[in-house]
Amino acid sequence: MNGTVKIIYWQDGDHWLGYVEEYPDYMTQGLSLPELKENLKDLYMAQPVPRHNEI
C-alpha cells in the first residue's frame, strides 16, 4: 500500500473484523489482528473493487 490507508477494525469473540474506509461494503475477518490486516491489504491491492452502487 502506498500512502496512508485508514482501516476500521474490531474484535468480535475470537475473530477480528474490519474494512478499508475507502471500501466500506467489503468487510473481511481474521483469527488475529495481523491476519486481518493482511486480508485487508489483499482486498485493497485487488483494485479496482466495485462500489456497491456499481454492482
N, C-alpha and C. Protein backbone atom coordinates (compact mmCIF):
# COMPACT_ATOMS: atom_id res chain seq x y z
N MET A 1 0.84 -1.18 0.00
CA MET A 1 0.00 0.00 0.00
C MET A 1 0.88 1.23 0.00
N ASN A 2 0.61 2.12 -0.87
CA ASN A 2 1.34 3.38 -0.90
C ASN A 2 0.52 4.43 -0.19
N GLY A 3 1.18 5.28 0.59
CA GLY A 3 0.46 6.32 1.31
C GLY A 3 -0.23 5.76 2.54
N THR A 4 -1.21 6.52 3.00
CA THR A 4 -1.94 6.13 4.20
C THR A 4 -3.32 5.60 3.82
N VAL A 5 -3.65 4.47 4.37
CA VAL A 5 -4.97 3.86 4.15
C VAL A 5 -5.59 3.67 5.52
N LYS A 6 -6.78 4.21 5.75
CA LYS A 6 -7.44 4.09 7.04
C LYS A 6 -8.27 2.81 7.05
N ILE A 7 -8.07 2.02 8.11
CA ILE A 7 -8.86 0.81 8.28
C ILE A 7 -9.68 0.91 9.56
N ILE A 8 -10.83 0.31 9.52
CA ILE A 8 -11.73 0.25 10.67
C ILE A 8 -11.77 -1.22 11.08
N TYR A 9 -11.48 -1.51 12.34
CA TYR A 9 -11.48 -2.91 12.77
C TYR A 9 -11.89 -3.02 14.23
N TRP A 10 -12.37 -4.22 14.58
CA TRP A 10 -12.78 -4.51 15.95
C TRP A 10 -12.73 -6.01 16.16
N GLN A 11 -12.70 -6.39 17.42
CA GLN A 11 -12.68 -7.80 17.77
C GLN A 11 -14.09 -8.23 18.16
N ASP A 12 -14.51 -9.38 17.65
CA ASP A 12 -15.82 -9.95 17.97
C ASP A 12 -15.59 -11.41 18.34
N GLY A 13 -15.56 -11.69 19.62
CA GLY A 13 -15.25 -13.05 20.07
C GLY A 13 -13.81 -13.39 19.73
N ASP A 14 -13.63 -14.51 19.01
CA ASP A 14 -12.29 -14.95 18.62
C ASP A 14 -11.81 -14.36 17.30
N HIS A 15 -12.64 -13.58 16.63
CA HIS A 15 -12.31 -13.07 15.30
C HIS A 15 -12.11 -11.55 15.32
N TRP A 16 -11.28 -11.09 14.40
CA TRP A 16 -11.12 -9.67 14.13
C TRP A 16 -11.83 -9.37 12.83
N LEU A 17 -12.65 -8.33 12.82
CA LEU A 17 -13.41 -7.92 11.64
C LEU A 17 -12.98 -6.52 11.25
N GLY A 18 -13.06 -6.22 9.96
CA GLY A 18 -12.70 -4.88 9.55
C GLY A 18 -12.90 -4.64 8.07
N TYR A 19 -12.68 -3.37 7.70
CA TYR A 19 -12.79 -2.96 6.31
C TYR A 19 -11.89 -1.75 6.08
N VAL A 20 -11.55 -1.53 4.83
CA VAL A 20 -10.82 -0.34 4.43
C VAL A 20 -11.84 0.78 4.33
N GLU A 21 -11.58 1.92 4.97
CA GLU A 21 -12.55 3.00 5.00
C GLU A 21 -13.02 3.38 3.59
N GLU A 22 -12.14 3.30 2.63
CA GLU A 22 -12.46 3.65 1.25
C GLU A 22 -13.45 2.66 0.61
N TYR A 23 -13.53 1.44 1.16
CA TYR A 23 -14.40 0.39 0.63
C TYR A 23 -15.25 -0.21 1.75
N PRO A 24 -16.17 0.53 2.33
CA PRO A 24 -16.92 0.03 3.49
C PRO A 24 -17.84 -1.15 3.19
N ASP A 25 -18.15 -1.39 1.93
CA ASP A 25 -19.03 -2.51 1.58
C ASP A 25 -18.31 -3.84 1.59
N TYR A 26 -16.98 -3.83 1.74
CA TYR A 26 -16.19 -5.06 1.65
C TYR A 26 -15.48 -5.31 2.97
N MET A 27 -16.12 -6.13 3.81
CA MET A 27 -15.54 -6.49 5.10
C MET A 27 -14.78 -7.80 4.96
N THR A 28 -13.83 -8.00 5.85
CA THR A 28 -13.12 -9.26 5.91
C THR A 28 -12.84 -9.57 7.38
N GLN A 29 -12.26 -10.74 7.63
CA GLN A 29 -12.01 -11.15 9.01
C GLN A 29 -10.70 -11.90 9.10
N GLY A 30 -10.24 -12.09 10.33
CA GLY A 30 -9.05 -12.87 10.60
C GLY A 30 -9.11 -13.40 12.01
N LEU A 31 -8.35 -14.46 12.25
CA LEU A 31 -8.29 -15.02 13.60
C LEU A 31 -7.35 -14.23 14.50
N SER A 32 -6.53 -13.37 13.89
CA SER A 32 -5.64 -12.49 14.64
C SER A 32 -5.64 -11.14 13.94
N LEU A 33 -5.19 -10.12 14.64
CA LEU A 33 -5.11 -8.79 14.05
C LEU A 33 -4.14 -8.76 12.87
N PRO A 34 -2.96 -9.39 12.97
CA PRO A 34 -2.08 -9.41 11.80
C PRO A 34 -2.72 -10.10 10.58
N GLU A 35 -3.47 -11.18 10.80
CA GLU A 35 -4.15 -11.86 9.70
C GLU A 35 -5.20 -10.95 9.08
N LEU A 36 -5.96 -10.25 9.91
CA LEU A 36 -6.95 -9.31 9.40
C LEU A 36 -6.28 -8.24 8.55
N LYS A 37 -5.20 -7.67 9.05
CA LYS A 37 -4.51 -6.61 8.31
C LYS A 37 -4.00 -7.13 6.97
N GLU A 38 -3.51 -8.36 6.92
CA GLU A 38 -3.05 -8.94 5.66
C GLU A 38 -4.23 -9.13 4.71
N ASN A 39 -5.38 -9.58 5.22
CA ASN A 39 -6.57 -9.73 4.39
C ASN A 39 -7.04 -8.38 3.85
N LEU A 40 -6.98 -7.35 4.68
CA LEU A 40 -7.37 -6.01 4.24
C LEU A 40 -6.41 -5.49 3.18
N LYS A 41 -5.13 -5.77 3.34
CA LYS A 41 -4.14 -5.37 2.35
C LYS A 41 -4.43 -6.06 1.02
N ASP A 42 -4.72 -7.36 1.06
CA ASP A 42 -5.04 -8.10 -0.16
C ASP A 42 -6.27 -7.51 -0.84
N LEU A 43 -7.29 -7.17 -0.05
CA LEU A 43 -8.50 -6.58 -0.60
C LEU A 43 -8.19 -5.23 -1.25
N TYR A 44 -7.42 -4.42 -0.58
CA TYR A 44 -7.09 -3.09 -1.09
C TYR A 44 -6.27 -3.19 -2.38
N MET A 45 -5.35 -4.14 -2.42
CA MET A 45 -4.48 -4.29 -3.59
C MET A 45 -5.22 -4.91 -4.77
N ALA A 46 -6.39 -5.47 -4.56
CA ALA A 46 -7.18 -6.10 -5.63
C ALA A 46 -7.99 -5.07 -6.40
N GLN A 47 -7.59 -3.82 -6.37
CA GLN A 47 -8.32 -2.75 -7.05
C GLN A 47 -8.38 -3.04 -8.53
N PRO A 48 -9.37 -2.61 -9.27
CA PRO A 48 -10.46 -1.82 -8.72
C PRO A 48 -11.52 -2.72 -8.07
N VAL A 49 -11.91 -2.34 -6.88
CA VAL A 49 -13.01 -3.01 -6.18
C VAL A 49 -14.27 -2.26 -6.55
N PRO A 50 -15.31 -2.95 -7.08
CA PRO A 50 -16.52 -2.23 -7.47
C PRO A 50 -17.23 -1.66 -6.25
N ARG A 51 -17.77 -0.49 -6.39
CA ARG A 51 -18.58 0.11 -5.34
C ARG A 51 -19.93 -0.58 -5.31
N HIS A 52 -20.59 -0.55 -4.18
CA HIS A 52 -21.90 -1.20 -4.01
C HIS A 52 -22.87 -0.74 -5.07
N ASN A 53 -22.88 0.53 -5.40
CA ASN A 53 -23.84 1.06 -6.37
C ASN A 53 -23.45 0.74 -7.80
N GLU A 54 -22.28 0.10 -8.02
CA GLU A 54 -21.87 -0.28 -9.36
C GLU A 54 -22.20 -1.74 -9.68
N ILE A 55 -22.67 -2.47 -8.68
CA ILE A 55 -22.98 -3.89 -8.87
C ILE A 55 -24.35 -4.05 -9.47
